[in-house]
Amino acid sequence: MVIEQGDYKINPKIKEWLKLKGWDQRELANQINCHESLVSQWFNEEKPKKPSWNYARKLALMSGFDDVIIFDRNIKHQEER
């Protein structure tokens, strides 16, 4: 099985956590030392990109959430050849 773009998304709890902290995507990018455009790709509703393991780990450590990335219930499976 290959997981494609759009099969996963940032856990909505992360968005709520950002609101509670008073952070926008720019501030999150500053806090984890990456470019704002990269963070905006993670929160893209149509075609989200999964953060690298390093960034997902940083988000988990900062937020306290183990499940930073969640998989879409409507995952499209593709057979590996």
N, C-alpha and C. Protein backbone atom coordinates (compact mmCIF):
# COMPACT_ATOMS: atom_id res chain seq x y z
N MET A 1 0.85 -1.18 0.00
CA MET A 1 0.00 0.00 0.00
C MET A 1 0.89 1.24 0.00
N VAL A 2 0.55 2.17 -0.84
CA VAL A 2 1.24 3.45 -0.88
C VAL A 2 0.27 4.51 -0.40
N ILE A 3 0.70 5.32 0.54
CA ILE A 3 -0.15 6.40 1.03
C ILE A 3 0.15 7.64 0.20
N GLU A 4 -0.88 8.20 -0.40
CA GLU A 4 -0.73 9.34 -1.28
C GLU A 4 -1.02 10.64 -0.54
N GLN A 5 -0.63 11.75 -1.19
CA GLN A 5 -0.99 13.06 -0.65
C GLN A 5 -2.49 13.13 -0.48
N GLY A 6 -2.94 13.77 0.56
CA GLY A 6 -4.36 13.92 0.80
C GLY A 6 -4.95 12.79 1.61
N ASP A 7 -4.17 11.73 1.86
CA ASP A 7 -4.65 10.60 2.64
C ASP A 7 -4.50 10.86 4.13
N TYR A 8 -3.84 11.92 4.48
CA TYR A 8 -3.58 12.25 5.87
C TYR A 8 -3.75 13.75 6.04
N LYS A 9 -3.84 14.17 7.27
CA LYS A 9 -3.95 15.60 7.54
C LYS A 9 -3.44 15.87 8.95
N ILE A 10 -3.18 17.13 9.20
CA ILE A 10 -2.80 17.54 10.53
C ILE A 10 -4.03 17.37 11.43
N ASN A 11 -3.83 16.80 12.58
CA ASN A 11 -4.92 16.61 13.52
C ASN A 11 -5.56 17.96 13.84
N PRO A 12 -6.89 18.09 13.73
CA PRO A 12 -7.56 19.35 14.05
C PRO A 12 -7.26 19.87 15.45
N LYS A 13 -6.87 18.98 16.37
CA LYS A 13 -6.51 19.42 17.72
C LYS A 13 -5.30 20.35 17.68
N ILE A 14 -4.43 20.18 16.68
CA ILE A 14 -3.26 21.05 16.56
C ILE A 14 -3.72 22.48 16.24
N LYS A 15 -4.72 22.60 15.38
CA LYS A 15 -5.25 23.93 15.05
C LYS A 15 -5.84 24.60 16.30
N GLU A 16 -6.55 23.83 17.09
CA GLU A 16 -7.12 24.37 18.33
C GLU A 16 -6.02 24.77 19.30
N TRP A 17 -4.97 23.96 19.38
CA TRP A 17 -3.83 24.26 20.24
C TRP A 17 -3.17 25.57 19.81
N LEU A 18 -3.04 25.77 18.50
CA LEU A 18 -2.47 27.02 17.99
C LEU A 18 -3.33 28.21 18.42
N LYS A 19 -4.63 28.07 18.30
CA LYS A 19 -5.54 29.15 18.70
C LYS A 19 -5.38 29.47 20.18
N LEU A 20 -5.30 28.44 21.01
CA LEU A 20 -5.14 28.65 22.44
C LEU A 20 -3.83 29.37 22.77
N LYS A 21 -2.79 29.08 22.01
CA LYS A 21 -1.50 29.73 22.22
C LYS A 21 -1.46 31.13 21.61
N GLY A 22 -2.45 31.42 20.75
CA GLY A 22 -2.46 32.71 20.07
C GLY A 22 -1.48 32.76 18.91
N TRP A 23 -1.15 31.61 18.36
CA TRP A 23 -0.19 31.52 17.26
C TRP A 23 -0.92 31.35 15.94
N ASP A 24 -0.34 31.93 14.90
CA ASP A 24 -0.79 31.65 13.54
C ASP A 24 0.26 30.74 12.90
N GLN A 25 0.08 30.44 11.63
CA GLN A 25 1.01 29.54 10.96
C GLN A 25 2.41 30.13 10.89
N ARG A 26 2.50 31.44 10.77
CA ARG A 26 3.81 32.10 10.73
C ARG A 26 4.56 31.89 12.04
N GLU A 27 3.86 32.06 13.16
CA GLU A 27 4.51 31.88 14.45
C GLU A 27 4.90 30.42 14.66
N LEU A 28 4.05 29.50 14.24
CA LEU A 28 4.40 28.09 14.35
C LEU A 28 5.68 27.81 13.56
N ALA A 29 5.75 28.35 12.35
CA ALA A 29 6.94 28.16 11.52
C ALA A 29 8.18 28.71 12.23
N ASN A 30 8.05 29.87 12.86
CA ASN A 30 9.18 30.44 13.60
C ASN A 30 9.58 29.54 14.76
N GLN A 31 8.61 28.99 15.45
CA GLN A 31 8.88 28.17 16.62
C GLN A 31 9.58 26.85 16.28
N ILE A 32 9.25 26.28 15.11
CA ILE A 32 9.87 25.01 14.73
C ILE A 32 10.96 25.19 13.69
N ASN A 33 11.29 26.46 13.41
CA ASN A 33 12.39 26.79 12.52
C ASN A 33 12.23 26.25 11.11
N CYS A 34 11.11 26.60 10.49
CA CYS A 34 10.91 26.25 9.09
C CYS A 34 10.20 27.41 8.40
N HIS A 35 10.02 27.32 7.10
CA HIS A 35 9.39 28.38 6.34
C HIS A 35 7.87 28.31 6.48
N GLU A 36 7.25 29.47 6.51
CA GLU A 36 5.79 29.54 6.66
C GLU A 36 5.06 28.80 5.54
N SER A 37 5.59 28.82 4.33
CA SER A 37 4.92 28.14 3.22
C SER A 37 4.87 26.63 3.45
N LEU A 38 5.86 26.09 4.13
CA LEU A 38 5.85 24.66 4.44
C LEU A 38 4.72 24.33 5.41
N VAL A 39 4.57 25.16 6.43
CA VAL A 39 3.49 24.96 7.41
C VAL A 39 2.14 25.08 6.73
N SER A 40 1.99 26.04 5.83
CA SER A 40 0.69 26.21 5.16
C SER A 40 0.34 25.00 4.31
N GLN A 41 1.35 24.30 3.79
CA GLN A 41 1.08 23.08 3.02
C GLN A 41 0.51 21.98 3.91
N TRP A 42 0.93 21.94 5.16
CA TRP A 42 0.42 20.92 6.08
C TRP A 42 -1.05 21.15 6.40
N PHE A 43 -1.47 22.41 6.41
CA PHE A 43 -2.84 22.76 6.76
C PHE A 43 -3.74 22.94 5.54
N ASN A 44 -3.22 22.69 4.36
CA ASN A 44 -4.01 22.81 3.13
C ASN A 44 -5.14 21.79 3.17
N GLU A 45 -6.37 22.26 3.02
CA GLU A 45 -7.54 21.36 3.12
C GLU A 45 -7.69 20.45 1.91
N GLU A 46 -7.33 20.92 0.72
CA GLU A 46 -7.53 20.12 -0.49
C GLU A 46 -6.44 19.08 -0.72
N LYS A 47 -5.19 19.50 -0.59
CA LYS A 47 -4.07 18.59 -0.83
C LYS A 47 -3.01 18.80 0.24
N PRO A 48 -3.28 18.31 1.45
CA PRO A 48 -2.29 18.51 2.52
C PRO A 48 -1.03 17.69 2.26
N LYS A 49 0.08 18.23 2.69
CA LYS A 49 1.34 17.50 2.65
C LYS A 49 1.69 17.12 4.07
N LYS A 50 2.20 15.94 4.22
CA LYS A 50 2.57 15.44 5.54
C LYS A 50 3.90 16.07 5.97
N PRO A 51 3.98 16.57 7.20
CA PRO A 51 5.27 17.07 7.67
C PRO A 51 6.27 15.93 7.78
N SER A 52 7.52 16.26 7.62
CA SER A 52 8.57 15.24 7.79
C SER A 52 8.50 14.73 9.22
N TRP A 53 9.15 13.59 9.45
CA TRP A 53 9.16 13.01 10.79
C TRP A 53 9.73 14.00 11.79
N ASN A 54 10.77 14.73 11.40
CA ASN A 54 11.41 15.70 12.28
C ASN A 54 10.43 16.79 12.72
N TYR A 55 9.68 17.34 11.77
CA TYR A 55 8.72 18.40 12.11
C TYR A 55 7.52 17.84 12.88
N ALA A 56 7.07 16.65 12.50
CA ALA A 56 5.96 16.03 13.23
C ALA A 56 6.37 15.78 14.68
N ARG A 57 7.62 15.38 14.89
CA ARG A 57 8.13 15.14 16.24
C ARG A 57 8.17 16.45 17.03
N LYS A 58 8.64 17.52 16.39
CA LYS A 58 8.67 18.82 17.05
C LYS A 58 7.26 19.26 17.46
N LEU A 59 6.31 19.08 16.54
CA LEU A 59 4.91 19.44 16.85
C LEU A 59 4.38 18.61 18.02
N ALA A 60 4.70 17.33 18.01
CA ALA A 60 4.23 16.45 19.09
C ALA A 60 4.82 16.87 20.43
N LEU A 61 6.11 17.16 20.44
CA LEU A 61 6.76 17.56 21.69
C LEU A 61 6.22 18.90 22.20
N MET A 62 6.01 19.84 21.29
CA MET A 62 5.52 21.16 21.69
C MET A 62 4.08 21.12 22.17
N SER A 63 3.24 20.37 21.44
CA SER A 63 1.81 20.39 21.71
C SER A 63 1.39 19.36 22.76
N GLY A 64 2.17 18.30 22.89
CA GLY A 64 1.80 17.23 23.80
C GLY A 64 0.90 16.18 23.17
N PHE A 65 0.64 16.31 21.87
CA PHE A 65 -0.21 15.35 21.16
C PHE A 65 0.64 14.27 20.51
N ASP A 66 0.29 13.01 20.74
CA ASP A 66 0.99 11.91 20.07
C ASP A 66 0.53 11.77 18.63
N ASP A 67 -0.71 12.12 18.38
CA ASP A 67 -1.32 11.92 17.07
C ASP A 67 -1.38 13.23 16.29
N VAL A 68 -0.21 13.78 15.94
CA VAL A 68 -0.14 15.03 15.20
C VAL A 68 -0.72 14.85 13.81
N ILE A 69 -0.42 13.71 13.20
CA ILE A 69 -0.92 13.41 11.85
C ILE A 69 -1.99 12.34 11.98
N ILE A 70 -3.12 12.56 11.34
CA ILE A 70 -4.16 11.53 11.32
C ILE A 70 -4.44 11.16 9.87
N PHE A 71 -4.86 9.94 9.69
CA PHE A 71 -5.14 9.46 8.35
C PHE A 71 -6.61 9.63 8.03
N ASP A 72 -6.88 10.01 6.79
CA ASP A 72 -8.23 10.22 6.31
C ASP A 72 -8.96 8.88 6.30
N ARG A 73 -10.21 8.89 6.71
CA ARG A 73 -11.00 7.65 6.72
C ARG A 73 -11.27 7.14 5.31
N ASN A 74 -11.14 7.98 4.33
CA ASN A 74 -11.40 7.60 2.95
C ASN A 74 -10.09 7.42 2.19
N ILE A 75 -9.16 6.69 2.79
CA ILE A 75 -7.85 6.49 2.17
C ILE A 75 -8.00 5.69 0.88
N LYS A 76 -7.31 6.17 -0.13
CA LYS A 76 -7.26 5.44 -1.40
C LYS A 76 -6.02 4.57 -1.37
N HIS A 77 -6.19 3.30 -1.57
CA HIS A 77 -5.06 2.38 -1.55
C HIS A 77 -4.56 2.14 -2.96
N GLN A 78 -3.28 2.01 -3.06
CA GLN A 78 -2.66 1.75 -4.34
C GLN A 78 -1.71 0.58 -4.13
N GLU A 79 -1.84 -0.44 -4.96
CA GLU A 79 -1.00 -1.62 -4.82
C GLU A 79 0.44 -1.28 -5.21
N GLU A 80 1.38 -1.75 -4.42
CA GLU A 80 2.80 -1.62 -4.77
C GLU A 80 3.14 -2.71 -5.77
N ARG A 81 3.99 -2.35 -6.68
CA ARG A 81 4.39 -3.35 -7.70
C ARG A 81 5.83 -3.69 -7.55
